[in-house]
């Protein structure tokens, strides 16, 4: 029997086909178990047992078995290497001037790269606020009127 690994396609003892989603010792039982996602909905769970999540799949497609109950029939698709585990981000294309095939002469600065300008017309500045005349006469005026 081949060594089990997550992602392998396996055949169960009863002939059902599944994909390995978990290998290890779960909390619900002792020893090593294999959690699989079945092709059909003849399973028992969704990858969780007794409130503990071990993997994700649709309800009724998950199942846990002992390793002896499965046979590897296909290996997972190989994943391309990622520079020793470091992901490389793809940047924006350069705005360099090329001289001849593959020869970079110099980088061309973009005249408008400094501050972006709005394509809309500038909004007018708000008018200076004038103070409203007080609708109540000042206290000095009131005193004079009483005389």
Protein backbone atom coordinates (compact mmCIF):
# COMPACT_ATOMS: atom_id res chain seq x y z
CA UNK A 1 0.00 0.00 0.00
CA UNK A 2 1.26 3.46 -0.90
CA UNK A 3 1.85 6.12 1.77
CA UNK A 4 -1.33 8.18 2.28
CA UNK A 5 -1.30 11.93 1.62
CA UNK A 6 -3.94 14.65 1.57
CA UNK A 7 -5.28 15.15 -1.95
CA UNK A 8 -4.89 11.54 -3.10
CA UNK A 9 -7.82 9.76 -4.71
CA UNK A 10 -8.63 6.55 -2.87
CA UNK A 11 -10.98 3.61 -3.21
CA UNK A 12 -12.79 2.42 -0.09
CA UNK A 13 -13.13 -1.27 0.74
CA UNK A 14 -16.75 -1.17 -0.53
CA UNK A 15 -15.72 0.32 -3.91
CA UNK A 16 -16.67 3.97 -3.32
CA UNK A 17 -14.24 6.63 -4.57
CA UNK A 18 -13.08 9.53 -2.35
CA UNK A 19 -10.37 12.17 -1.92
CA UNK A 20 -8.22 12.21 1.22
CA UNK A 21 -8.84 15.44 3.16
CA UNK A 22 -7.41 14.59 6.61
CA UNK A 23 -4.85 12.18 8.05
CA UNK A 24 -4.11 12.04 11.74
CA UNK A 25 -5.41 11.36 15.22
CA UNK A 26 -8.80 12.98 15.79
CA UNK A 27 -10.31 13.80 19.18
CA UNK A 28 -13.25 11.41 18.79
CA UNK A 29 -11.16 8.17 18.73
CA UNK A 30 -7.66 6.89 19.36
CA UNK A 31 -5.19 5.97 16.65
CA UNK A 32 -4.73 7.23 13.11
CA UNK A 33 -7.76 7.96 10.94
CA UNK A 34 -8.29 9.12 7.37
CA UNK A 35 -10.93 11.73 6.63
CA UNK A 36 -12.26 11.52 3.07
CA UNK A 37 -14.63 13.45 0.84
CA UNK A 38 -16.79 11.02 -1.13
CA UNK A 39 -17.87 11.52 -4.75
CA UNK A 40 -21.50 10.95 -3.77
CA UNK A 41 -23.56 11.87 -0.73
CA UNK A 42 -23.33 8.47 0.96
CA UNK A 43 -21.08 9.78 3.74
CA UNK A 44 -21.83 10.58 7.36
CA UNK A 45 -20.70 14.18 7.97
CA UNK A 46 -19.31 17.45 6.55
CA UNK A 47 -15.76 16.98 7.79
CA UNK A 48 -16.59 17.68 11.42
CA UNK A 49 -17.32 15.27 14.25
CA UNK A 50 -18.61 16.19 17.71
CA UNK A 51 -18.17 19.90 16.99
CA UNK A 52 -14.53 19.57 15.88
CA UNK A 53 -13.77 20.49 12.24
CA UNK A 54 -11.14 18.37 10.49
CA UNK A 55 -11.83 19.35 6.85
CA UNK A 56 -14.58 21.02 4.79
CA UNK A 57 -17.01 19.34 2.42
CA UNK A 58 -20.74 19.24 1.75
CA UNK A 59 -22.93 17.56 4.36
CA UNK A 60 -23.18 13.83 3.71
CA UNK A 61 -19.95 13.64 1.71
CA UNK A 62 -17.48 13.32 4.60
CA UNK A 63 -16.40 10.12 6.31
CA UNK A 64 -13.63 8.89 8.61
CA UNK A 65 -11.98 5.48 8.16
CA UNK A 66 -8.97 3.58 9.35
CA UNK A 67 -6.04 3.75 6.88
CA UNK A 68 -6.31 0.01 6.14
CA UNK A 69 -9.81 0.58 4.67
CA UNK A 70 -8.56 2.71 1.75
CA UNK A 71 -6.43 2.03 -1.32
CA UNK A 72 -4.64 4.82 -3.19
CA UNK A 73 -5.67 4.91 -6.86
CA UNK A 74 -4.35 8.35 -7.93
CA UNK A 75 -1.82 10.87 -6.67
CA UNK A 76 -2.74 14.57 -6.34
CA UNK A 77 -1.78 16.88 -9.20
CA UNK A 78 1.73 18.27 -8.63
CA UNK A 79 1.93 21.88 -7.46
CA UNK A 80 4.58 23.98 -9.24
CA UNK A 81 7.43 25.22 -7.01
CA UNK A 82 7.19 28.74 -5.61
CA UNK A 83 10.82 29.95 -5.25
CA UNK A 84 11.62 28.04 -2.06
CA UNK A 85 8.30 28.90 -0.46
CA UNK A 86 8.38 32.61 -1.21
CA UNK A 87 5.56 33.79 -3.45
CA UNK A 88 6.44 36.26 -6.17
CA UNK A 89 4.07 39.08 -6.88
CA UNK A 90 3.59 40.10 -10.46
CA UNK A 91 4.09 43.84 -10.80
CA UNK A 92 2.87 46.38 -13.29
CA UNK A 93 4.68 46.59 -16.61
CA UNK A 94 7.64 48.93 -16.73
CA UNK A 95 7.53 52.16 -18.74
CA UNK A 96 11.07 51.78 -20.04
CA UNK A 97 12.26 52.69 -23.50
CA UNK A 98 13.82 49.73 -25.24
CA UNK A 99 16.59 50.05 -27.79
CA UNK A 100 16.69 46.97 -29.91
CA UNK A 101 15.33 43.60 -28.86
CA UNK A 102 15.55 43.17 -25.11
CA UNK A 103 17.90 46.12 -24.44
CA UNK A 104 16.69 48.66 -21.92
CA UNK A 105 18.03 52.14 -22.51
CA UNK A 106 16.42 54.22 -19.80
CA UNK A 107 13.34 54.63 -17.76
CA UNK A 108 10.96 57.30 -19.02
CA UNK A 109 9.40 59.46 -16.34
CA UNK A 110 5.71 60.08 -16.83
CA UNK A 111 5.01 63.82 -16.93
CA UNK A 112 1.64 63.32 -15.30
CA UNK A 113 2.85 60.84 -12.70
CA UNK A 114 3.27 63.45 -9.97
CA UNK A 115 -0.15 64.61 -8.86
CA UNK A 116 -3.27 63.37 -10.51
CA UNK A 117 -5.51 66.10 -11.77
CA UNK A 118 -9.28 65.95 -11.87
CA UNK A 119 -10.90 65.93 -15.28
CA UNK A 120 -13.81 67.93 -13.83
CA UNK A 121 -13.75 71.70 -13.63
CA UNK A 122 -12.58 73.09 -10.36
CA UNK A 123 -15.42 73.95 -8.02
CA UNK A 124 -15.71 77.63 -7.13
CA UNK A 125 -14.57 78.73 -3.70
CA UNK A 126 -17.43 79.44 -1.35
CA UNK A 127 -18.25 83.12 -0.91
CA UNK A 128 -17.12 84.81 2.25
CA UNK A 129 -19.84 84.70 4.84
CA UNK A 130 -21.27 88.03 5.81
CA UNK A 131 -22.32 88.47 9.37
CA UNK A 132 -26.06 88.76 9.75
CA UNK A 133 -27.29 91.94 11.30
CA UNK A 134 -28.59 91.34 14.74
CA UNK A 135 -32.34 91.53 14.78
CA UNK A 136 -32.35 92.77 18.36
CA UNK A 137 -31.28 96.35 19.02
CA UNK A 138 -28.12 96.70 21.01
CA UNK A 139 -28.41 97.47 24.71
CA UNK A 140 -27.06 101.01 24.24
CA UNK A 141 -29.74 101.75 21.66
CA UNK A 142 -32.40 100.42 24.00
CA UNK A 143 -31.18 102.69 26.80
CA UNK A 144 -31.30 105.70 24.51
CA UNK A 145 -34.79 104.90 23.33
CA UNK A 146 -36.05 104.77 26.89
CA UNK A 147 -34.91 108.31 27.56
